[in-house]
All heavy atoms as atom14 arrays in JSON, in Angstrom:
{
  "sequence": "LAMITKNSASRVGPNIFRRVLQSSLQIPYNVMIIVNDGNDKTS",
  "atom14_mask": [
    [1, 1, 1, 1, 1, 1, 1, 1, 0, 0, 0, 0, 0, 0],
    [1, 1, 1, 1, 1, 0, 0, 0, 0, 0, 0, 0, 0, 0],
    [1, 1, 1, 1, 1, 1, 1, 1, 0, 0, 0, 0, 0, 0],
    [1, 1, 1, 1, 1, 1, 1, 1, 0, 0, 0, 0, 0, 0],
    [1, 1, 1, 1, 1, 1, 1, 0, 0, 0, 0, 0, 0, 0],
    [1, 1, 1, 1, 1, 1, 1, 1, 1, 0, 0, 0, 0, 0],
    [1, 1, 1, 1, 1, 1, 1, 1, 0, 0, 0, 0, 0, 0],
    [1, 1, 1, 1, 1, 1, 0, 0, 0, 0, 0, 0, 0, 0],
    [1, 1, 1, 1, 1, 0, 0, 0, 0, 0, 0, 0, 0, 0],
    [1, 1, 1, 1, 1, 1, 0, 0, 0, 0, 0, 0, 0, 0],
    [1, 1, 1, 1, 1, 1, 1, 1, 1, 1, 1, 0, 0, 0],
    [1, 1, 1, 1, 1, 1, 1, 0, 0, 0, 0, 0, 0, 0],
    [1, 1, 1, 1, 0, 0, 0, 0, 0, 0, 0, 0, 0, 0],
    [1, 1, 1, 1, 1, 1, 1, 0, 0, 0, 0, 0, 0, 0],
    [1, 1, 1, 1, 1, 1, 1, 1, 0, 0, 0, 0, 0, 0],
    [1, 1, 1, 1, 1, 1, 1, 1, 0, 0, 0, 0, 0, 0],
    [1, 1, 1, 1, 1, 1, 1, 1, 1, 1, 1, 0, 0, 0],
    [1, 1, 1, 1, 1, 1, 1, 1, 1, 1, 1, 0, 0, 0],
    [1, 1, 1, 1, 1, 1, 1, 1, 1, 1, 1, 0, 0, 0],
    [1, 1, 1, 1, 1, 1, 1, 0, 0, 0, 0, 0, 0, 0],
    [1, 1, 1, 1, 1, 1, 1, 1, 0, 0, 0, 0, 0, 0],
    [1, 1, 1, 1, 1, 1, 1, 1, 1, 0, 0, 0, 0, 0],
    [1, 1, 1, 1, 1, 1, 0, 0, 0, 0, 0, 0, 0, 0],
    [1, 1, 1, 1, 1, 1, 0, 0, 0, 0, 0, 0, 0, 0],
    [1, 1, 1, 1, 1, 1, 1, 1, 0, 0, 0, 0, 0, 0],
    [1, 1, 1, 1, 1, 1, 1, 1, 1, 0, 0, 0, 0, 0],
    [1, 1, 1, 1, 1, 1, 1, 1, 0, 0, 0, 0, 0, 0],
    [1, 1, 1, 1, 1, 1, 1, 0, 0, 0, 0, 0, 0, 0],
    [1, 1, 1, 1, 1, 1, 1, 1, 1, 1, 1, 1, 0, 0],
    [1, 1, 1, 1, 1, 1, 1, 1, 0, 0, 0, 0, 0, 0],
    [1, 1, 1, 1, 1, 1, 1, 0, 0, 0, 0, 0, 0, 0],
    [1, 1, 1, 1, 1, 1, 1, 1, 0, 0, 0, 0, 0, 0],
    [1, 1, 1, 1, 1, 1, 1, 1, 0, 0, 0, 0, 0, 0],
    [1, 1, 1, 1, 1, 1, 1, 1, 0, 0, 0, 0, 0, 0],
    [1, 1, 1, 1, 1, 1, 1, 0, 0, 0, 0, 0, 0, 0],
    [1, 1, 1, 1, 1, 1, 1, 1, 0, 0, 0, 0, 0, 0],
    [1, 1, 1, 1, 1, 1, 1, 1, 0, 0, 0, 0, 0, 0],
    [1, 1, 1, 1, 0, 0, 0, 0, 0, 0, 0, 0, 0, 0],
    [1, 1, 1, 1, 1, 1, 1, 1, 0, 0, 0, 0, 0, 0],
    [1, 1, 1, 1, 1, 1, 1, 1, 0, 0, 0, 0, 0, 0],
    [1, 1, 1, 1, 1, 1, 1, 1, 1, 0, 0, 0, 0, 0],
    [1, 1, 1, 1, 1, 1, 1, 0, 0, 0, 0, 0, 0, 0],
    [1, 1, 1, 1, 1, 1, 0, 0, 0, 0, 0, 0, 0, 0]
  ],
  "atom14_positions": [
    [[0.88, -1.15, -0.06], [0.03, -0.03, 0.0], [0.87, 1.18, -0.06], [1.97, 1.27, 0.67], [-0.92, 0.02, 1.21], [-1.69, 1.34, 1.48], [-3.15, 0.97, 1.74], [-1.17, 2.1, 2.51], [0.0, 0.0, 0.0], [0.0, 0.0, 0.0], [0.0, 0.0, 0.0], [0.0, 0.0, 0.0], [0.0, 0.0, 0.0], [0.0, 0.0, 0.0]],
    [[0.58, 2.22, -0.84], [1.27, 3.48, -0.78], [0.38, 4.71, -0.56], [-0.73, 4.58, -1.08], [1.95, 3.69, -2.23], [0.0, 0.0, 0.0], [0.0, 0.0, 0.0], [0.0, 0.0, 0.0], [0.0, 0.0, 0.0], [0.0, 0.0, 0.0], [0.0, 0.0, 0.0], [0.0, 0.0, 0.0], [0.0, 0.0, 0.0], [0.0, 0.0, 0.0]],
    [[0.81, 5.49, 0.37], [-0.03, 6.64, 0.69], [0.87, 7.84, 0.78], [2.04, 7.87, 1.26], [-0.64, 6.37, 2.08], [-1.71, 7.41, 2.49], [-2.38, 7.12, 4.12], [-3.48, 5.75, 3.64], [0.0, 0.0, 0.0], [0.0, 0.0, 0.0], [0.0, 0.0, 0.0], [0.0, 0.0, 0.0], [0.0, 0.0, 0.0], [0.0, 0.0, 0.0]],
    [[0.32, 8.88, 0.12], [1.03, 10.23, 0.24], [0.19, 11.04, 1.07], [-1.06, 11.1, 1.11], [1.2, 10.76, -1.15], [-0.05, 11.05, -1.93], [2.28, 9.95, -2.04], [0.12, 11.84, -3.31], [0.0, 0.0, 0.0], [0.0, 0.0, 0.0], [0.0, 0.0, 0.0], [0.0, 0.0, 0.0], [0.0, 0.0, 0.0], [0.0, 0.0, 0.0]],
    [[0.95, 11.81, 2.01], [0.39, 12.62, 2.96], [1.01, 13.88, 3.39], [2.13, 13.82, 3.24], [-0.15, 11.73, 4.22], [-0.81, 12.51, 5.2], [1.21, 11.22, 4.84], [0.0, 0.0, 0.0], [0.0, 0.0, 0.0], [0.0, 0.0, 0.0], [0.0, 0.0, 0.0], [0.0, 0.0, 0.0], [0.0, 0.0, 0.0], [0.0, 0.0, 0.0]],
    [[0.26, 14.84, 3.75], [0.87, 16.1, 4.24], [-0.02, 16.68, 5.41], [-1.09, 17.16, 4.94], [1.16, 17.11, 3.12], [1.86, 18.27, 3.63], [2.16, 19.22, 2.46], [3.01, 20.38, 2.84], [3.3, 21.31, 1.83], [0.0, 0.0, 0.0], [0.0, 0.0, 0.0], [0.0, 0.0, 0.0], [0.0, 0.0, 0.0], [0.0, 0.0, 0.0]],
    [[0.38, 16.37, 6.62], [-0.45, 16.97, 7.78], [-1.84, 16.42, 7.75], [-2.84, 17.03, 8.13], [-0.4, 18.4, 7.84], [0.98, 18.92, 8.03], [1.72, 18.38, 8.65], [1.34, 20.04, 7.33], [0.0, 0.0, 0.0], [0.0, 0.0, 0.0], [0.0, 0.0, 0.0], [0.0, 0.0, 0.0], [0.0, 0.0, 0.0], [0.0, 0.0, 0.0]],
    [[-2.09, 15.12, 7.42], [-3.32, 14.52, 7.32], [-4.13, 14.51, 8.7], [-5.21, 14.79, 8.87], [-3.26, 13.2, 6.74], [-2.97, 13.15, 5.4], [0.0, 0.0, 0.0], [0.0, 0.0, 0.0], [0.0, 0.0, 0.0], [0.0, 0.0, 0.0], [0.0, 0.0, 0.0], [0.0, 0.0, 0.0], [0.0, 0.0, 0.0], [0.0, 0.0, 0.0]],
    [[-3.36, 14.07, 9.64], [-3.94, 14.13, 11.06], [-4.42, 15.37, 11.52], [-5.49, 15.5, 12.18], [-2.93, 13.42, 12.09], [0.0, 0.0, 0.0], [0.0, 0.0, 0.0], [0.0, 0.0, 0.0], [0.0, 0.0, 0.0], [0.0, 0.0, 0.0], [0.0, 0.0, 0.0], [0.0, 0.0, 0.0], [0.0, 0.0, 0.0], [0.0, 0.0, 0.0]],
    [[-3.7, 16.49, 11.26], [-4.22, 17.85, 11.63], [-5.42, 18.23, 10.82], [-6.3, 18.93, 11.34], [-2.92, 18.79, 11.34], [-1.93, 18.53, 12.23], [0.0, 0.0, 0.0], [0.0, 0.0, 0.0], [0.0, 0.0, 0.0], [0.0, 0.0, 0.0], [0.0, 0.0, 0.0], [0.0, 0.0, 0.0], [0.0, 0.0, 0.0], [0.0, 0.0, 0.0]],
    [[-5.38, 17.96, 9.49], [-6.48, 18.31, 8.67], [-7.8, 17.65, 8.82], [-8.95, 18.44, 8.86], [-6.12, 18.15, 7.19], [-5.04, 19.13, 6.78], [-4.74, 18.94, 5.34], [-3.7, 19.99, 5.08], [-3.02, 19.93, 3.99], [-3.12, 18.87, 3.02], [-1.95, 20.7, 3.71], [0.0, 0.0, 0.0], [0.0, 0.0, 0.0], [0.0, 0.0, 0.0]],
    [[-7.82, 16.4, 9.02], [-9.05, 15.71, 9.22], [-9.23, 15.14, 10.63], [-10.32, 14.68, 10.99], [-9.17, 14.5, 8.23], [-9.2, 14.83, 6.8], [-8.14, 13.38, 8.55], [0.0, 0.0, 0.0], [0.0, 0.0, 0.0], [0.0, 0.0, 0.0], [0.0, 0.0, 0.0], [0.0, 0.0, 0.0], [0.0, 0.0, 0.0], [0.0, 0.0, 0.0]],
    [[-8.26, 15.19, 11.49], [-8.34, 14.75, 12.87], [-7.75, 13.42, 12.98], [-7.96, 12.5, 11.99], [0.0, 0.0, 0.0], [0.0, 0.0, 0.0], [0.0, 0.0, 0.0], [0.0, 0.0, 0.0], [0.0, 0.0, 0.0], [0.0, 0.0, 0.0], [0.0, 0.0, 0.0], [0.0, 0.0, 0.0], [0.0, 0.0, 0.0], [0.0, 0.0, 0.0]],
    [[-7.19, 13.08, 14.11], [-6.52, 11.71, 14.21], [-7.47, 10.53, 14.12], [-7.09, 9.49, 13.58], [-5.76, 11.77, 15.57], [-6.27, 13.05, 16.23], [-6.91, 13.89, 15.22], [0.0, 0.0, 0.0], [0.0, 0.0, 0.0], [0.0, 0.0, 0.0], [0.0, 0.0, 0.0], [0.0, 0.0, 0.0], [0.0, 0.0, 0.0], [0.0, 0.0, 0.0]],
    [[-8.63, 10.65, 14.68], [-9.57, 9.5, 14.75], [-10.08, 9.28, 13.31], [-10.16, 8.07, 12.99], [-10.82, 9.87, 15.57], [-10.42, 9.87, 17.05], [-9.37, 9.3, 17.41], [-11.11, 10.78, 17.85], [0.0, 0.0, 0.0], [0.0, 0.0, 0.0], [0.0, 0.0, 0.0], [0.0, 0.0, 0.0], [0.0, 0.0, 0.0], [0.0, 0.0, 0.0]],
    [[-10.39, 10.26, 12.55], [-10.91, 10.07, 11.13], [-9.74, 9.52, 10.28], [-9.93, 8.61, 9.54], [-11.4, 11.32, 10.53], [-12.68, 11.7, 11.24], [-11.67, 11.19, 8.98], [-13.34, 12.99, 10.81], [0.0, 0.0, 0.0], [0.0, 0.0, 0.0], [0.0, 0.0, 0.0], [0.0, 0.0, 0.0], [0.0, 0.0, 0.0], [0.0, 0.0, 0.0]],
    [[-8.5, 10.05, 10.46], [-7.41, 9.53, 9.71], [-7.06, 7.98, 10.1], [-6.9, 7.15, 9.16], [-6.08, 10.31, 9.99], [-4.93, 9.92, 9.22], [-4.94, 10.06, 7.91], [-3.84, 9.35, 9.8], [-3.85, 9.62, 7.13], [-2.79, 8.83, 9.03], [-2.75, 9.06, 7.66], [0.0, 0.0, 0.0], [0.0, 0.0, 0.0], [0.0, 0.0, 0.0]],
    [[-7.3, 7.68, 11.37], [-7.1, 6.2, 11.74], [-8.22, 5.36, 10.94], [-7.9, 4.28, 10.53], [-7.18, 6.11, 13.28], [-6.88, 4.75, 13.63], [-6.54, 4.68, 15.18], [-6.43, 3.36, 15.53], [-5.39, 2.53, 15.33], [-4.35, 2.98, 14.62], [-5.38, 1.29, 15.85], [0.0, 0.0, 0.0], [0.0, 0.0, 0.0], [0.0, 0.0, 0.0]],
    [[-9.38, 5.92, 10.92], [-10.62, 5.19, 10.27], [-10.26, 4.95, 8.68], [-10.46, 3.85, 8.16], [-11.84, 5.84, 10.42], [-12.53, 5.55, 11.79], [-13.78, 6.03, 11.85], [-13.8, 7.46, 11.99], [-14.86, 8.22, 12.22], [-15.99, 7.65, 12.44], [-14.81, 9.53, 12.28], [0.0, 0.0, 0.0], [0.0, 0.0, 0.0], [0.0, 0.0, 0.0]],
    [[-9.61, 5.83, 8.16], [-9.05, 5.85, 6.73], [-8.15, 4.64, 6.68], [-8.15, 3.83, 5.76], [-8.53, 7.11, 6.17], [-7.85, 6.96, 4.95], [-9.65, 8.22, 6.11], [0.0, 0.0, 0.0], [0.0, 0.0, 0.0], [0.0, 0.0, 0.0], [0.0, 0.0, 0.0], [0.0, 0.0, 0.0], [0.0, 0.0, 0.0], [0.0, 0.0, 0.0]],
    [[-7.15, 4.61, 7.5], [-6.19, 3.56, 7.52], [-6.97, 2.12, 7.8], [-6.61, 1.18, 7.01], [-5.18, 3.73, 8.61], [-4.23, 4.88, 8.54], [-3.39, 5.07, 9.71], [-3.27, 4.74, 7.27], [0.0, 0.0, 0.0], [0.0, 0.0, 0.0], [0.0, 0.0, 0.0], [0.0, 0.0, 0.0], [0.0, 0.0, 0.0], [0.0, 0.0, 0.0]],
    [[-7.87, 2.09, 8.59], [-8.68, 0.87, 8.83], [-9.28, 0.46, 7.66], [-9.48, -0.81, 7.3], [-9.56, 0.94, 10.03], [-8.75, 1.03, 11.49], [-9.57, 1.4, 12.56], [-10.55, 2.18, 12.5], [-9.13, 0.92, 13.72], [0.0, 0.0, 0.0], [0.0, 0.0, 0.0], [0.0, 0.0, 0.0], [0.0, 0.0, 0.0], [0.0, 0.0, 0.0]],
    [[-9.82, 1.3, 6.95], [-10.65, 0.96, 5.68], [-9.68, 0.3, 4.68], [-10.04, -0.39, 3.79], [-11.36, 2.1, 5.11], [-10.52, 3.15, 4.57], [0.0, 0.0, 0.0], [0.0, 0.0, 0.0], [0.0, 0.0, 0.0], [0.0, 0.0, 0.0], [0.0, 0.0, 0.0], [0.0, 0.0, 0.0], [0.0, 0.0, 0.0], [0.0, 0.0, 0.0]],
    [[-8.37, 0.6, 4.74], [-7.4, 0.06, 3.76], [-7.25, -1.46, 4.05], [-6.8, -2.14, 3.18], [-5.97, 0.75, 3.87], [-5.46, 0.4, 5.12], [0.0, 0.0, 0.0], [0.0, 0.0, 0.0], [0.0, 0.0, 0.0], [0.0, 0.0, 0.0], [0.0, 0.0, 0.0], [0.0, 0.0, 0.0], [0.0, 0.0, 0.0], [0.0, 0.0, 0.0]],
    [[-7.77, -1.99, 5.11], [-7.52, -3.37, 5.48], [-8.36, -4.29, 4.66], [-8.05, -5.5, 4.66], [-7.72, -3.64, 6.98], [-6.78, -2.89, 7.92], [-7.28, -3.05, 9.35], [-5.41, -3.5, 7.8], [0.0, 0.0, 0.0], [0.0, 0.0, 0.0], [0.0, 0.0, 0.0], [0.0, 0.0, 0.0], [0.0, 0.0, 0.0], [0.0, 0.0, 0.0]],
    [[-9.3, -3.78, 3.8], [-9.95, -4.53, 2.87], [-9.05, -5.19, 1.78], [-9.4, -6.13, 1.19], [-11.09, -3.69, 2.25], [-12.14, -3.21, 3.21], [-13.02, -2.2, 2.59], [-13.48, -2.34, 1.4], [-13.54, -1.24, 3.37], [0.0, 0.0, 0.0], [0.0, 0.0, 0.0], [0.0, 0.0, 0.0], [0.0, 0.0, 0.0], [0.0, 0.0, 0.0]],
    [[-7.94, -4.55, 1.6], [-6.93, -5.05, 0.63], [-5.91, -5.78, 1.4], [-5.44, -5.32, 2.36], [-6.26, -3.92, -0.12], [-7.36, -3.06, -0.76], [-5.22, -4.26, -1.1], [-8.15, -3.71, -1.88], [0.0, 0.0, 0.0], [0.0, 0.0, 0.0], [0.0, 0.0, 0.0], [0.0, 0.0, 0.0], [0.0, 0.0, 0.0], [0.0, 0.0, 0.0]],
    [[-5.52, -6.98, 0.95], [-4.58, -7.84, 1.79], [-3.09, -7.47, 1.52], [-2.33, -8.08, 0.76], [-4.9, -9.32, 1.15], [-5.28, -9.1, -0.16], [-6.09, -7.78, -0.15], [0.0, 0.0, 0.0], [0.0, 0.0, 0.0], [0.0, 0.0, 0.0], [0.0, 0.0, 0.0], [0.0, 0.0, 0.0], [0.0, 0.0, 0.0], [0.0, 0.0, 0.0]],
    [[-2.6, -6.36, 2.08], [-1.34, -5.93, 1.78], [-0.45, -6.21, 3.03], [-0.87, -6.38, 4.26], [-1.28, -4.43, 1.54], [-1.78, -3.53, 2.56], [-0.9, -2.97, 3.52], [-3.1, -3.11, 2.76], [-1.42, -2.19, 4.67], [-3.5, -2.36, 3.72], [-2.75, -1.88, 4.66], [-3.16, -1.1, 5.69], [0.0, 0.0, 0.0], [0.0, 0.0, 0.0]],
    [[0.85, -6.27, 2.9], [1.75, -6.54, 4.01], [2.74, -5.44, 4.18], [3.55, -5.5, 5.15], [2.53, -7.82, 3.79], [3.23, -7.98, 2.5], [3.26, -7.29, 1.59], [4.12, -8.9, 2.3], [0.0, 0.0, 0.0], [0.0, 0.0, 0.0], [0.0, 0.0, 0.0], [0.0, 0.0, 0.0], [0.0, 0.0, 0.0], [0.0, 0.0, 0.0]],
    [[2.91, -4.48, 3.24], [3.92, -3.48, 3.36], [3.06, -2.1, 3.12], [2.41, -1.95, 2.22], [5.01, -3.5, 2.2], [5.91, -2.43, 2.32], [5.71, -4.8, 2.46], [0.0, 0.0, 0.0], [0.0, 0.0, 0.0], [0.0, 0.0, 0.0], [0.0, 0.0, 0.0], [0.0, 0.0, 0.0], [0.0, 0.0, 0.0], [0.0, 0.0, 0.0]],
    [[3.5, -1.17, 4.02], [3.01, 0.33, 3.89], [4.09, 1.21, 3.48], [5.03, 1.18, 4.07], [2.32, 0.71, 5.18], [1.21, -0.08, 5.67], [0.58, 0.52, 7.28], [-0.25, 2.1, 6.81], [0.0, 0.0, 0.0], [0.0, 0.0, 0.0], [0.0, 0.0, 0.0], [0.0, 0.0, 0.0], [0.0, 0.0, 0.0], [0.0, 0.0, 0.0]],
    [[3.99, 1.87, 2.32], [4.92, 2.94, 1.85], [4.22, 4.26, 2.05], [3.22, 4.56, 1.46], [5.38, 2.7, 0.5], [5.98, 1.33, 0.38], [6.31, 3.75, -0.01], [6.18, 0.81, -1.15], [0.0, 0.0, 0.0], [0.0, 0.0, 0.0], [0.0, 0.0, 0.0], [0.0, 0.0, 0.0], [0.0, 0.0, 0.0], [0.0, 0.0, 0.0]],
    [[4.8, 5.06, 2.98], [4.2, 6.35, 3.31], [5.2, 7.54, 2.87], [6.33, 7.39, 3.34], [3.83, 6.49, 4.83], [3.08, 5.29, 5.22], [3.21, 7.82, 5.07], [1.74, 5.04, 4.69], [0.0, 0.0, 0.0], [0.0, 0.0, 0.0], [0.0, 0.0, 0.0], [0.0, 0.0, 0.0], [0.0, 0.0, 0.0], [0.0, 0.0, 0.0]],
    [[4.66, 8.38, 2.0], [5.44, 9.62, 1.75], [4.82, 10.69, 2.46], [3.73, 11.11, 2.07], [5.47, 9.89, 0.21], [6.31, 11.09, -0.09], [6.1, 8.7, -0.61], [0.0, 0.0, 0.0], [0.0, 0.0, 0.0], [0.0, 0.0, 0.0], [0.0, 0.0, 0.0], [0.0, 0.0, 0.0], [0.0, 0.0, 0.0], [0.0, 0.0, 0.0]],
    [[5.42, 11.11, 3.63], [4.91, 12.19, 4.47], [5.7, 13.34, 4.43], [6.73, 13.46, 4.93], [4.75, 11.63, 5.88], [4.08, 12.55, 6.93], [3.51, 13.59, 6.35], [4.29, 12.42, 8.16], [0.0, 0.0, 0.0], [0.0, 0.0, 0.0], [0.0, 0.0, 0.0], [0.0, 0.0, 0.0], [0.0, 0.0, 0.0], [0.0, 0.0, 0.0]],
    [[5.09, 14.37, 3.77], [5.81, 15.73, 3.62], [5.34, 16.7, 4.55], [5.65, 17.93, 4.55], [5.72, 16.21, 2.2], [6.43, 15.4, 1.23], [7.49, 14.76, 1.5], [6.0, 15.2, 0.01], [0.0, 0.0, 0.0], [0.0, 0.0, 0.0], [0.0, 0.0, 0.0], [0.0, 0.0, 0.0], [0.0, 0.0, 0.0], [0.0, 0.0, 0.0]],
    [[4.57, 16.2, 5.63], [4.07, 17.26, 6.69], [4.9, 17.15, 7.97], [5.88, 16.44, 8.03], [0.0, 0.0, 0.0], [0.0, 0.0, 0.0], [0.0, 0.0, 0.0], [0.0, 0.0, 0.0], [0.0, 0.0, 0.0], [0.0, 0.0, 0.0], [0.0, 0.0, 0.0], [0.0, 0.0, 0.0], [0.0, 0.0, 0.0], [0.0, 0.0, 0.0]],
    [[4.39, 17.87, 8.94], [5.16, 18.06, 10.2], [4.31, 17.75, 11.31], [4.78, 18.09, 12.55], [5.76, 19.41, 10.3], [6.78, 19.78, 9.24], [7.59, 18.96, 8.94], [6.68, 20.84, 8.61], [0.0, 0.0, 0.0], [0.0, 0.0, 0.0], [0.0, 0.0, 0.0], [0.0, 0.0, 0.0], [0.0, 0.0, 0.0], [0.0, 0.0, 0.0]],
    [[3.14, 17.17, 11.25], [2.15, 16.9, 12.34], [2.49, 15.54, 12.85], [3.49, 14.87, 12.54], [0.74, 17.22, 12.03], [0.21, 16.23, 10.94], [0.95, 15.31, 10.37], [-1.03, 16.17, 10.76], [0.0, 0.0, 0.0], [0.0, 0.0, 0.0], [0.0, 0.0, 0.0], [0.0, 0.0, 0.0], [0.0, 0.0, 0.0], [0.0, 0.0, 0.0]],
    [[1.42, 14.87, 13.59], [1.63, 13.65, 14.16], [1.12, 12.49, 13.25], [1.03, 11.33, 13.65], [0.87, 13.5, 15.49], [1.37, 14.43, 16.53], [0.61, 14.38, 17.73], [1.09, 15.31, 18.76], [0.47, 15.2, 20.07], [0.0, 0.0, 0.0], [0.0, 0.0, 0.0], [0.0, 0.0, 0.0], [0.0, 0.0, 0.0], [0.0, 0.0, 0.0]],
    [[1.14, 12.69, 12.04], [0.62, 11.66, 11.06], [1.54, 10.45, 11.04], [1.06, 9.32, 11.16], [0.5, 12.25, 9.61], [-0.39, 13.35, 9.64], [0.06, 11.28, 8.55], [0.0, 0.0, 0.0], [0.0, 0.0, 0.0], [0.0, 0.0, 0.0], [0.0, 0.0, 0.0], [0.0, 0.0, 0.0], [0.0, 0.0, 0.0], [0.0, 0.0, 0.0]],
    [[2.89, 10.59, 11.09], [3.71, 9.42, 10.96], [3.57, 8.7, 12.27], [3.63, 7.31, 12.09], [5.19, 9.99, 10.94], [5.5, 10.37, 9.61], [0.0, 0.0, 0.0], [0.0, 0.0, 0.0], [0.0, 0.0, 0.0], [0.0, 0.0, 0.0], [0.0, 0.0, 0.0], [0.0, 0.0, 0.0], [0.0, 0.0, 0.0], [0.0, 0.0, 0.0]]
  ]
}
């Protein structure tokens, strides 16, 4: 799974961002590649 993000936790809130991540579990992936160009708690 690849996800690009920039301050996603700050923009949508940590709980909503976590629900987005949980929705990704419908796909059977084993590796997460995150490109995070922000400075908040997203990582």
